[in-house]
Amino acid sequence: MPSFPGGDGALYAFLAQNIQYPEIAKRAGVEGQVIVMFTVSKTGQIASPRVVRGIGGGCDEEALRVVMMMSRWNPGKQNGQPVNVQVTVPIRFQLQ
């Protein structure tokens, strides 16, 4: 399986640092989890991100924006060769 540089802890720290809660979602009290699926290519690039479960209020678009900001991942390997792998990442939106 592919991995984010630094592991899952680094991935969730990156998401927490870069997510900007949409103003519309704040006013409407929208909270929940956006599920984003994308492909990590043989070179570690993020490709074809899409929301597979959204919550609206601009959160879906914000989740996609932040996913596209991610640096290269360590690609997945099969039999020692890099391969394209689909990854699903949950992104939580929670009002403080």
PDB file of N, CA and C in Angstrom:
ATOM      1  N   MET A   1       0.832  -1.193   0.000  1.00  0.00           N
ATOM      2  CA  MET A   1       0.000   0.000   0.000  1.00  0.00           C
ATOM      3  C   MET A   1       0.876   1.257   0.000  1.00  0.00           C
ATOM      4  N   PRO A   2       0.409   2.299  -0.658  1.00  0.00           N
ATOM      5  CA  PRO A   2       1.162   3.561  -0.625  1.00  0.00           C
ATOM      6  C   PRO A   2       1.079   4.188   0.765  1.00  0.00           C
ATOM      7  N   SER A   3       1.998   5.081   1.056  1.00  0.00           N
ATOM      8  CA  SER A   3       1.981   5.745   2.361  1.00  0.00           C
ATOM      9  C   SER A   3       2.355   7.212   2.203  1.00  0.00           C
ATOM     10  N   PHE A   4       1.750   8.035   3.049  1.00  0.00           N
ATOM     11  CA  PHE A   4       2.069   9.460   3.102  1.00  0.00           C
ATOM     12  C   PHE A   4       3.436   9.582   3.768  1.00  0.00           C
ATOM     13  N   PRO A   5       4.321  10.466   3.267  1.00  0.00           N
ATOM     14  CA  PRO A   5       5.634  10.629   3.906  1.00  0.00           C
ATOM     15  C   PRO A   5       5.475  10.978   5.391  1.00  0.00           C
ATOM     16  N   GLY A   6       6.026  10.172   6.254  1.00  0.00           N
ATOM     17  CA  GLY A   6       5.898  10.398   7.689  1.00  0.00           C
ATOM     18  C   GLY A   6       4.798   9.573   8.332  1.00  0.00           C
ATOM     19  N   GLY A   7       4.006   8.868   7.520  1.00  0.00           N
ATOM     20  CA  GLY A   7       2.976   7.981   8.056  1.00  0.00           C
ATOM     21  C   GLY A   7       1.629   8.654   8.260  1.00  0.00           C
ATOM     22  N   ASP A   8       0.714   7.900   8.858  1.00  0.00           N
ATOM     23  CA  ASP A   8      -0.651   8.390   9.060  1.00  0.00           C
ATOM     24  C   ASP A   8      -0.708   9.612   9.961  1.00  0.00           C
ATOM     25  N   GLY A   9       0.140   9.642  10.979  1.00  0.00           N
ATOM     26  CA  GLY A   9       0.165  10.801  11.876  1.00  0.00           C
ATOM     27  C   GLY A   9       0.495  12.077  11.118  1.00  0.00           C
ATOM     28  N   ALA A  10       1.464  11.997  10.228  1.00  0.00           N
ATOM     29  CA  ALA A  10       1.850  13.162   9.420  1.00  0.00           C
ATOM     30  C   ALA A  10       0.724  13.546   8.462  1.00  0.00           C
ATOM     31  N   LEU A  11       0.020  12.545   7.922  1.00  0.00           N
ATOM     32  CA  LEU A  11      -1.101  12.824   7.014  1.00  0.00           C
ATOM     33  C   LEU A  11      -2.177  13.613   7.739  1.00  0.00           C
ATOM     34  N   TYR A  12      -2.583  13.136   8.917  1.00  0.00           N
ATOM     35  CA  TYR A  12      -3.657  13.823   9.638  1.00  0.00           C
ATOM     36  C   TYR A  12      -3.212  15.176  10.175  1.00  0.00           C
ATOM     37  N   ALA A  13      -1.939  15.339  10.497  1.00  0.00           N
ATOM     38  CA  ALA A  13      -1.416  16.644  10.896  1.00  0.00           C
ATOM     39  C   ALA A  13      -1.471  17.606   9.713  1.00  0.00           C
ATOM     40  N   PHE A  14      -1.103  17.109   8.509  1.00  0.00           N
ATOM     41  CA  PHE A  14      -1.162  17.930   7.301  1.00  0.00           C
ATOM     42  C   PHE A  14      -2.601  18.391   7.042  1.00  0.00           C
ATOM     43  N   LEU A  15      -3.534  17.462   7.141  1.00  0.00           N
ATOM     44  CA  LEU A  15      -4.941  17.805   6.905  1.00  0.00           C
ATOM     45  C   LEU A  15      -5.422  18.843   7.913  1.00  0.00           C
ATOM     46  N   ALA A  16      -5.105  18.635   9.190  1.00  0.00           N
ATOM     47  CA  ALA A  16      -5.540  19.566  10.234  1.00  0.00           C
ATOM     48  C   ALA A  16      -4.965  20.965  10.021  1.00  0.00           C
ATOM     49  N   GLN A  17      -3.725  21.038   9.558  1.00  0.00           N
ATOM     50  CA  GLN A  17      -3.073  22.339   9.331  1.00  0.00           C
ATOM     51  C   GLN A  17      -3.655  23.081   8.141  1.00  0.00           C
ATOM     52  N   ASN A  18      -4.100  22.339   7.124  1.00  0.00           N
ATOM     53  CA  ASN A  18      -4.463  22.978   5.865  1.00  0.00           C
ATOM     54  C   ASN A  18      -5.954  23.116   5.593  1.00  0.00           C
ATOM     55  N   ILE A  19      -6.779  22.408   6.333  1.00  0.00           N
ATOM     56  CA  ILE A  19      -8.229  22.522   6.137  1.00  0.00           C
ATOM     57  C   ILE A  19      -8.695  23.872   6.652  1.00  0.00           C
ATOM     58  N   GLN A  20      -9.449  24.567   5.828  1.00  0.00           N
ATOM     59  CA  GLN A  20     -10.077  25.815   6.243  1.00  0.00           C
ATOM     60  C   GLN A  20     -11.583  25.564   6.232  1.00  0.00           C
ATOM     61  N   TYR A  21     -12.177  25.601   7.414  1.00  0.00           N
ATOM     62  CA  TYR A  21     -13.609  25.300   7.531  1.00  0.00           C
ATOM     63  C   TYR A  21     -14.401  26.304   6.702  1.00  0.00           C
ATOM     64  N   PRO A  22     -15.195  25.850   5.739  1.00  0.00           N
ATOM     65  CA  PRO A  22     -15.965  26.783   4.911  1.00  0.00           C
ATOM     66  C   PRO A  22     -16.937  27.606   5.763  1.00  0.00           C
ATOM     67  N   GLU A  23     -17.025  28.885   5.469  1.00  0.00           N
ATOM     68  CA  GLU A  23     -17.880  29.795   6.237  1.00  0.00           C
ATOM     69  C   GLU A  23     -19.343  29.361   6.193  1.00  0.00           C
ATOM     70  N   ILE A  24     -19.802  28.913   5.033  1.00  0.00           N
ATOM     71  CA  ILE A  24     -21.198  28.458   4.886  1.00  0.00           C
ATOM     72  C   ILE A  24     -21.464  27.286   5.825  1.00  0.00           C
ATOM     73  N   ALA A  25     -20.518  26.365   5.905  1.00  0.00           N
ATOM     74  CA  ALA A  25     -20.671  25.192   6.771  1.00  0.00           C
ATOM     75  C   ALA A  25     -20.678  25.604   8.244  1.00  0.00           C
ATOM     76  N   LYS A  26     -19.846  26.573   8.589  1.00  0.00           N
ATOM     77  CA  LYS A  26     -19.827  27.064   9.971  1.00  0.00           C
ATOM     78  C   LYS A  26     -21.189  27.623  10.360  1.00  0.00           C
ATOM     79  N   ARG A  27     -21.729  28.508   9.494  1.00  0.00           N
ATOM     80  CA  ARG A  27     -23.009  29.147   9.795  1.00  0.00           C
ATOM     81  C   ARG A  27     -24.141  28.126   9.877  1.00  0.00           C
ATOM     82  N   ALA A  28     -24.082  27.102   9.035  1.00  0.00           N
ATOM     83  CA  ALA A  28     -25.143  26.089   9.000  1.00  0.00           C
ATOM     84  C   ALA A  28     -24.919  24.976  10.025  1.00  0.00           C
ATOM     85  N   GLY A  29     -23.775  25.003  10.704  1.00  0.00           N
ATOM     86  CA  GLY A  29     -23.484  23.977  11.695  1.00  0.00           C
ATOM     87  C   GLY A  29     -23.208  22.610  11.086  1.00  0.00           C
ATOM     88  N   VAL A  30     -22.675  22.598   9.862  1.00  0.00           N
ATOM     89  CA  VAL A  30     -22.389  21.330   9.174  1.00  0.00           C
ATOM     90  C   VAL A  30     -21.142  20.694   9.774  1.00  0.00           C
ATOM     91  N   GLU A  31     -21.277  19.446  10.208  1.00  0.00           N
ATOM     92  CA  GLU A  31     -20.153  18.663  10.718  1.00  0.00           C
ATOM     93  C   GLU A  31     -20.250  17.263  10.129  1.00  0.00           C
ATOM     94  N   GLY A  32     -19.142  16.568  10.123  1.00  0.00           N
ATOM     95  CA  GLY A  32     -19.164  15.197   9.645  1.00  0.00           C
ATOM     96  C   GLY A  32     -17.862  14.816   8.988  1.00  0.00           C
ATOM     97  N   GLN A  33     -17.939  13.743   8.234  1.00  0.00           N
ATOM     98  CA  GLN A  33     -16.741  13.179   7.619  1.00  0.00           C
ATOM     99  C   GLN A  33     -16.930  13.117   6.106  1.00  0.00           C
ATOM    100  N   VAL A  34     -15.985  13.697   5.382  1.00  0.00           N
ATOM    101  CA  VAL A  34     -15.965  13.611   3.926  1.00  0.00           C
ATOM    102  C   VAL A  34     -15.008  12.481   3.565  1.00  0.00           C
ATOM    103  N   ILE A  35     -15.472  11.555   2.743  1.00  0.00           N
ATOM    104  CA  ILE A  35     -14.633  10.443   2.309  1.00  0.00           C
ATOM    105  C   ILE A  35     -14.135  10.754   0.901  1.00  0.00           C
ATOM    106  N   VAL A  36     -12.816  10.858   0.755  1.00  0.00           N
ATOM    107  CA  VAL A  36     -12.197  11.170  -0.539  1.00  0.00           C
ATOM    108  C   VAL A  36     -11.427   9.944  -1.022  1.00  0.00           C
ATOM    109  N   MET A  37     -11.620   9.604  -2.305  1.00  0.00           N
ATOM    110  CA  MET A  37     -10.883   8.497  -2.910  1.00  0.00           C
ATOM    111  C   MET A  37     -10.013   9.077  -4.019  1.00  0.00           C
ATOM    112  N   PHE A  38      -8.785   8.576  -4.136  1.00  0.00           N
ATOM    113  CA  PHE A  38      -7.886   9.023  -5.196  1.00  0.00           C
ATOM    114  C   PHE A  38      -6.906   7.909  -5.509  1.00  0.00           C
ATOM    115  N   THR A  39      -6.189   8.087  -6.603  1.00  0.00           N
ATOM    116  CA  THR A  39      -5.177   7.121  -7.002  1.00  0.00           C
ATOM    117  C   THR A  39      -3.806   7.681  -6.681  1.00  0.00           C
ATOM    118  N   VAL A  40      -2.966   6.863  -6.053  1.00  0.00           N
ATOM    119  CA  VAL A  40      -1.550   7.203  -5.881  1.00  0.00           C
ATOM    120  C   VAL A  40      -0.833   6.484  -7.022  1.00  0.00           C
ATOM    121  N   SER A  41      -0.245   7.277  -7.919  1.00  0.00           N
ATOM    122  CA  SER A  41       0.391   6.714  -9.111  1.00  0.00           C
ATOM    123  C   SER A  41       1.706   6.010  -8.768  1.00  0.00           C
ATOM    124  N   LYS A  42       2.280   5.380  -9.774  1.00  0.00           N
ATOM    125  CA  LYS A  42       3.570   4.699  -9.618  1.00  0.00           C
ATOM    126  C   LYS A  42       4.662   5.652  -9.148  1.00  0.00           C
ATOM    127  N   THR A  43       4.502   6.942  -9.472  1.00  0.00           N
ATOM    128  CA  THR A  43       5.503   7.936  -9.073  1.00  0.00           C
ATOM    129  C   THR A  43       5.141   8.641  -7.765  1.00  0.00           C
ATOM    130  N   GLY A  44       3.989   8.268  -7.159  1.00  0.00           N
ATOM    131  CA  GLY A  44       3.579   8.877  -5.897  1.00  0.00           C
ATOM    132  C   GLY A  44       2.671  10.073  -6.046  1.00  0.00           C
ATOM    133  N   GLN A  45       2.338  10.428  -7.286  1.00  0.00           N
ATOM    134  CA  GLN A  45       1.460  11.582  -7.536  1.00  0.00           C
ATOM    135  C   GLN A  45       0.009  11.239  -7.195  1.00  0.00           C
ATOM    136  N   ILE A  46      -0.751  12.249  -6.771  1.00  0.00           N
ATOM    137  CA  ILE A  46      -2.186  12.098  -6.519  1.00  0.00           C
ATOM    138  C   ILE A  46      -2.914  12.317  -7.836  1.00  0.00           C
ATOM    139  N   ALA A  47      -3.817  11.395  -8.179  1.00  0.00           N
ATOM    140  CA  ALA A  47      -4.569  11.510  -9.435  1.00  0.00           C
ATOM    141  C   ALA A  47      -6.031  11.168  -9.184  1.00  0.00           C
ATOM    142  N   SER A  48      -6.900  11.773  -9.958  1.00  0.00           N
ATOM    143  CA  SER A  48      -8.344  11.487  -9.978  1.00  0.00           C
ATOM    144  C   SER A  48      -9.018  11.521  -8.608  1.00  0.00           C
ATOM    145  N   PRO A  49      -8.821  12.596  -7.830  1.00  0.00           N
ATOM    146  CA  PRO A  49      -9.511  12.634  -6.537  1.00  0.00           C
ATOM    147  C   PRO A  49     -11.003  12.861  -6.738  1.00  0.00           C
ATOM    148  N   ARG A  50     -11.799  12.197  -5.895  1.00  0.00           N
ATOM    149  CA  ARG A  50     -13.244  12.407  -5.956  1.00  0.00           C
ATOM    150  C   ARG A  50     -13.842  12.140  -4.577  1.00  0.00           C
ATOM    151  N   VAL A  51     -14.949  12.814  -4.314  1.00  0.00           N
ATOM    152  CA  VAL A  51     -15.661  12.626  -3.057  1.00  0.00           C
ATOM    153  C   VAL A  51     -16.595  11.439  -3.228  1.00  0.00           C
ATOM    154  N   VAL A  52     -16.460  10.427  -2.378  1.00  0.00           N
ATOM    155  CA  VAL A  52     -17.361   9.281  -2.446  1.00  0.00           C
ATOM    156  C   VAL A  52     -18.488   9.397  -1.424  1.00  0.00           C
ATOM    157  N   ARG A  53     -18.278  10.206  -0.370  1.00  0.00           N
ATOM    158  CA  ARG A  53     -19.357  10.542   0.552  1.00  0.00           C
ATOM    159  C   ARG A  53     -19.099  11.940   1.081  1.00  0.00           C
ATOM    160  N   GLY A  54     -20.003  12.833   0.786  1.00  0.00           N
ATOM    161  CA  GLY A  54     -19.834  14.224   1.179  1.00  0.00           C
ATOM    162  C   GLY A  54     -20.836  14.649   2.230  1.00  0.00           C
ATOM    163  N   ILE A  55     -20.630  15.872   2.745  1.00  0.00           N
ATOM    164  CA  ILE A  55     -21.537  16.422   3.750  1.00  0.00           C
ATOM    165  C   ILE A  55     -22.076  17.793   3.329  1.00  0.00           C
ATOM    166  N   GLY A  56     -21.602  18.329   2.195  1.00  0.00           N
ATOM    167  CA  GLY A  56     -22.107  19.607   1.699  1.00  0.00           C
ATOM    168  C   GLY A  56     -21.535  20.803   2.429  1.00  0.00           C
ATOM    169  N   GLY A  57     -22.131  21.955   2.188  1.00  0.00           N
ATOM    170  CA  GLY A  57     -21.719  23.181   2.842  1.00  0.00           C
ATOM    171  C   GLY A  57     -20.337  23.678   2.437  1.00  0.00           C
ATOM    172  N   GLY A  58     -19.827  23.182   1.317  1.00  0.00           N
ATOM    173  CA  GLY A  58     -18.498  23.578   0.857  1.00  0.00           C
ATOM    174  C   GLY A  58     -17.388  22.680   1.395  1.00  0.00           C
ATOM    175  N   CYS A  59     -17.724  21.753   2.301  1.00  0.00           N
ATOM    176  CA  CYS A  59     -16.719  20.872   2.900  1.00  0.00           C
ATOM    177  C   CYS A  59     -16.152  19.897   1.871  1.00  0.00           C
ATOM    178  N   ASP A  60     -17.003  19.428   0.953  1.00  0.00           N
ATOM    179  CA  ASP A  60     -16.544  18.476  -0.061  1.00  0.00           C
ATOM    180  C   ASP A  60     -15.455  19.107  -0.930  1.00  0.00           C
ATOM    181  N   GLU A  61     -15.711  20.336  -1.365  1.00  0.00           N
ATOM    182  CA  GLU A  61     -14.752  21.044  -2.212  1.00  0.00           C
ATOM    183  C   GLU A  61     -13.463  21.352  -1.457  1.00  0.00           C
ATOM    184  N   GLU A  62     -13.597  21.688  -0.171  1.00  0.00           N
ATOM    185  CA  GLU A  62     -12.413  21.976   0.648  1.00  0.00           C
ATOM    186  C   GLU A  62     -11.569  20.722   0.831  1.00  0.00           C
ATOM    187  N   ALA A  63     -12.212  19.589   1.033  1.00  0.00           N
ATOM    188  CA  ALA A  63     -11.481  18.332   1.179  1.00  0.00           C
ATOM    189  C   ALA A  63     -10.697  18.026  -0.099  1.00  0.00           C
ATOM    190  N   LEU A  64     -11.319  18.211  -1.261  1.00  0.00           N
ATOM    191  CA  LEU A  64     -10.620  17.967  -2.532  1.00  0.00           C
ATOM    192  C   LEU A  64      -9.457  18.936  -2.718  1.00  0.00           C
ATOM    193  N   ARG A  65      -9.659  20.204  -2.347  1.00  0.00           N
ATOM    194  CA  ARG A  65      -8.594  21.208  -2.482  1.00  0.00           C
ATOM    195  C   ARG A  65      -7.366  20.789  -1.678  1.00  0.00           C
ATOM    196  N   VAL A  66      -7.576  20.351  -0.449  1.00  0.00           N
ATOM    197  CA  VAL A  66      -6.453  19.987   0.418  1.00  0.00           C
ATOM    198  C   VAL A  66      -5.783  18.699  -0.073  1.00  0.00           C
ATOM    199  N   VAL A  67      -6.569  17.748  -0.556  1.00  0.00           N
ATOM    200  CA  VAL A  67      -5.984  16.512  -1.099  1.00  0.00           C
ATOM    201  C   VAL A  67      -5.061  16.846  -2.268  1.00  0.00           C
ATOM    202  N   MET A  68      -5.452  17.777  -3.114  1.00  0.00           N
ATOM    203  CA  MET A  68      -4.625  18.143  -4.270  1.00  0.00           C
ATOM    204  C   MET A  68      -3.358  18.892  -3.854  1.00  0.00           C
ATOM    205  N   MET A  69      -3.310  19.422  -2.624  1.00  0.00           N
ATOM    206  CA  MET A  69      -2.113  20.107  -2.127  1.00  0.00           C
ATOM    207  C   MET A  69      -1.057  19.133  -1.609  1.00  0.00           C
ATOM    208  N   MET A  70      -1.454  17.888  -1.351  1.00  0.00           N
ATOM    209  CA  MET A  70      -0.530  16.934  -0.729  1.00  0.00           C
ATOM    210  C   MET A  70       0.704  16.713  -1.589  1.00  0.00           C
ATOM    211  N   SER A  71       1.829  16.519  -0.903  1.00  0.00           N
ATOM    212  CA  SER A  71       3.062  16.195  -1.614  1.00  0.00           C
ATOM    213  C   SER A  71       2.979  14.748  -2.096  1.00  0.00           C
ATOM    214  N   ARG A  72       3.995  14.333  -2.826  1.00  0.00           N
ATOM    215  CA  ARG A  72       4.018  12.961  -3.334  1.00  0.00           C
ATOM    216  C   ARG A  72       3.992  11.955  -2.196  1.00  0.00           C
ATOM    217  N   TRP A  73       3.288  10.879  -2.419  1.00  0.00           N
ATOM    218  CA  TRP A  73       3.247   9.770  -1.482  1.00  0.00           C
ATOM    219  C   TRP A  73       4.350   8.789  -1.854  1.00  0.00           C
ATOM    220  N   ASN A  74       4.639   7.869  -0.951  1.00  0.00           N
ATOM    221  CA  ASN A  74       5.496   6.742  -1.281  1.00  0.00           C
ATOM    222  C   ASN A  74       4.595   5.743  -2.005  1.00  0.00           C
ATOM    223  N   PRO A  75       4.904   5.413  -3.249  1.00  0.00           N
ATOM    224  CA  PRO A  75       3.982   4.565  -4.027  1.00  0.00           C
ATOM    225  C   PRO A  75       3.858   3.155  -3.458  1.00  0.00           C
ATOM    226  N   GLY A  76       2.727   2.532  -3.764  1.00  0.00           N
ATOM    227  CA  GLY A  76       2.531   1.134  -3.399  1.00  0.00           C
ATOM    228  C   GLY A  76       3.367   0.255  -4.313  1.00  0.00           C
ATOM    229  N   LYS A  77       3.687  -0.929  -3.843  1.00  0.00           N
ATOM    230  CA  LYS A  77       4.508  -1.840  -4.649  1.00  0.00           C
ATOM    231  C   LYS A  77       3.877  -3.227  -4.664  1.00  0.00           C
ATOM    232  N   GLN A  78       4.041  -3.880  -5.798  1.00  0.00           N
ATOM    233  CA  GLN A  78       3.614  -5.261  -5.937  1.00  0.00           C
ATOM    234  C   GLN A  78       4.764  -6.013  -6.585  1.00  0.00           C
ATOM    235  N   ASN A  79       5.218  -7.061  -5.940  1.00  0.00           N
ATOM    236  CA  ASN A  79       6.382  -7.812  -6.412  1.00  0.00           C
ATOM    237  C   ASN A  79       7.592  -6.896  -6.603  1.00  0.00           C
ATOM    238  N   GLY A  80       7.727  -5.908  -5.718  1.00  0.00           N
ATOM    239  CA  GLY A  80       8.865  -5.006  -5.764  1.00  0.00           C
ATOM    240  C   GLY A  80       8.775  -3.882  -6.784  1.00  0.00           C
ATOM    241  N   GLN A  81       7.705  -3.859  -7.573  1.00  0.00           N
ATOM    242  CA  GLN A  81       7.533  -2.831  -8.607  1.00  0.00           C
ATOM    243  C   GLN A  81       6.464  -1.828  -8.177  1.00  0.00           C
ATOM    244  N   PRO A  82       6.695  -0.516  -8.401  1.00  0.00           N
ATOM    245  CA  PRO A  82       5.670   0.475  -8.065  1.00  0.00           C
ATOM    246  C   PRO A  82       4.415   0.259  -8.926  1.00  0.00           C
ATOM    247  N   VAL A  83       3.262   0.422  -8.305  1.00  0.00           N
ATOM    248  CA  VAL A  83       1.985   0.270  -9.008  1.00  0.00           C
ATOM    249  C   VAL A  83       1.038   1.391  -8.608  1.00  0.00           C
ATOM    250  N   ASN A  84       0.037   1.656  -9.449  1.00  0.00           N
ATOM    251  CA  ASN A  84      -1.028   2.590  -9.115  1.00  0.00           C
ATOM    252  C   ASN A  84      -1.952   1.922  -8.098  1.00  0.00           C
ATOM    253  N   VAL A  85      -2.321   2.668  -7.049  1.00  0.00           N
ATOM    254  CA  VAL A  85      -3.190   2.117  -6.010  1.00  0.00           C
ATOM    255  C   VAL A  85      -4.244   3.150  -5.641  1.00  0.00           C
ATOM    256  N   GLN A  86      -5.501   2.701  -5.515  1.00  0.00           N
ATOM    257  CA  GLN A  86      -6.563   3.587  -5.045  1.00  0.00           C
ATOM    258  C   GLN A  86      -6.520   3.659  -3.525  1.00  0.00           C
ATOM    259  N   VAL A  87      -6.680   4.872  -3.010  1.00  0.00           N
ATOM    260  CA  VAL A  87      -6.628   5.117  -1.566  1.00  0.00           C
ATOM    261  C   VAL A  87      -7.888   5.870  -1.167  1.00  0.00           C
ATOM    262  N   THR A  88      -8.421   5.535  -0.003  1.00  0.00           N
ATOM    263  CA  THR A  88      -9.574   6.251   0.544  1.00  0.00           C
ATOM    264  C   THR A  88      -9.142   6.908   1.850  1.00  0.00           C
ATOM    265  N   VAL A  89      -9.431   8.219   1.963  1.00  0.00           N
ATOM    266  CA  VAL A  89      -9.047   8.969   3.163  1.00  0.00           C
ATOM    267  C   VAL A  89     -10.276   9.670   3.732  1.00  0.00           C
ATOM    268  N   PRO A  90     -10.584   9.440   5.012  1.00  0.00           N
ATOM    269  CA  PRO A  90     -11.669  10.192   5.652  1.00  0.00           C
ATOM    270  C   PRO A  90     -11.129  11.528   6.167  1.00  0.00           C
ATOM    271  N   ILE A  91     -11.873  12.587   5.923  1.00  0.00           N
ATOM    272  CA  ILE A  91     -11.470  13.921   6.392  1.00  0.00           C
ATOM    273  C   ILE A  91     -12.600  14.459   7.263  1.00  0.00           C
ATOM    274  N   ARG A  92     -12.304  14.653   8.525  1.00  0.00           N
ATOM    275  CA  ARG A  92     -13.328  15.062   9.501  1.00  0.00           C
ATOM    276  C   ARG A  92     -13.437  16.586   9.577  1.00  0.00           C
ATOM    277  N   PHE A  93     -14.673  17.053   9.551  1.00  0.00           N
ATOM    278  CA  PHE A  93     -14.970  18.469   9.760  1.00  0.00           C
ATOM    279  C   PHE A  93     -15.753  18.557  11.056  1.00  0.00           C
ATOM    280  N   GLN A  94     -15.159  19.246  12.047  1.00  0.00           N
ATOM    281  CA  GLN A  94     -15.792  19.335  13.363  1.00  0.00           C
ATOM    282  C   GLN A  94     -15.642  20.758  13.884  1.00  0.00           C
ATOM    283  N   LEU A  95     -16.773  21.350  14.225  1.00  0.00           N
ATOM    284  CA  LEU A  95     -16.747  22.705  14.774  1.00  0.00           C
ATOM    285  C   LEU A  95     -16.217  22.659  16.199  1.00  0.00           C
ATOM    286  N   GLN A  96     -15.449  23.675  16.561  1.00  0.00           N
ATOM    287  CA  GLN A  96     -14.867  23.730  17.915  1.00  0.00           C
ATOM    288  C   GLN A  96     -15.822  24.390  18.867  1.00  0.00           C
TER     289      GLN A  96
END
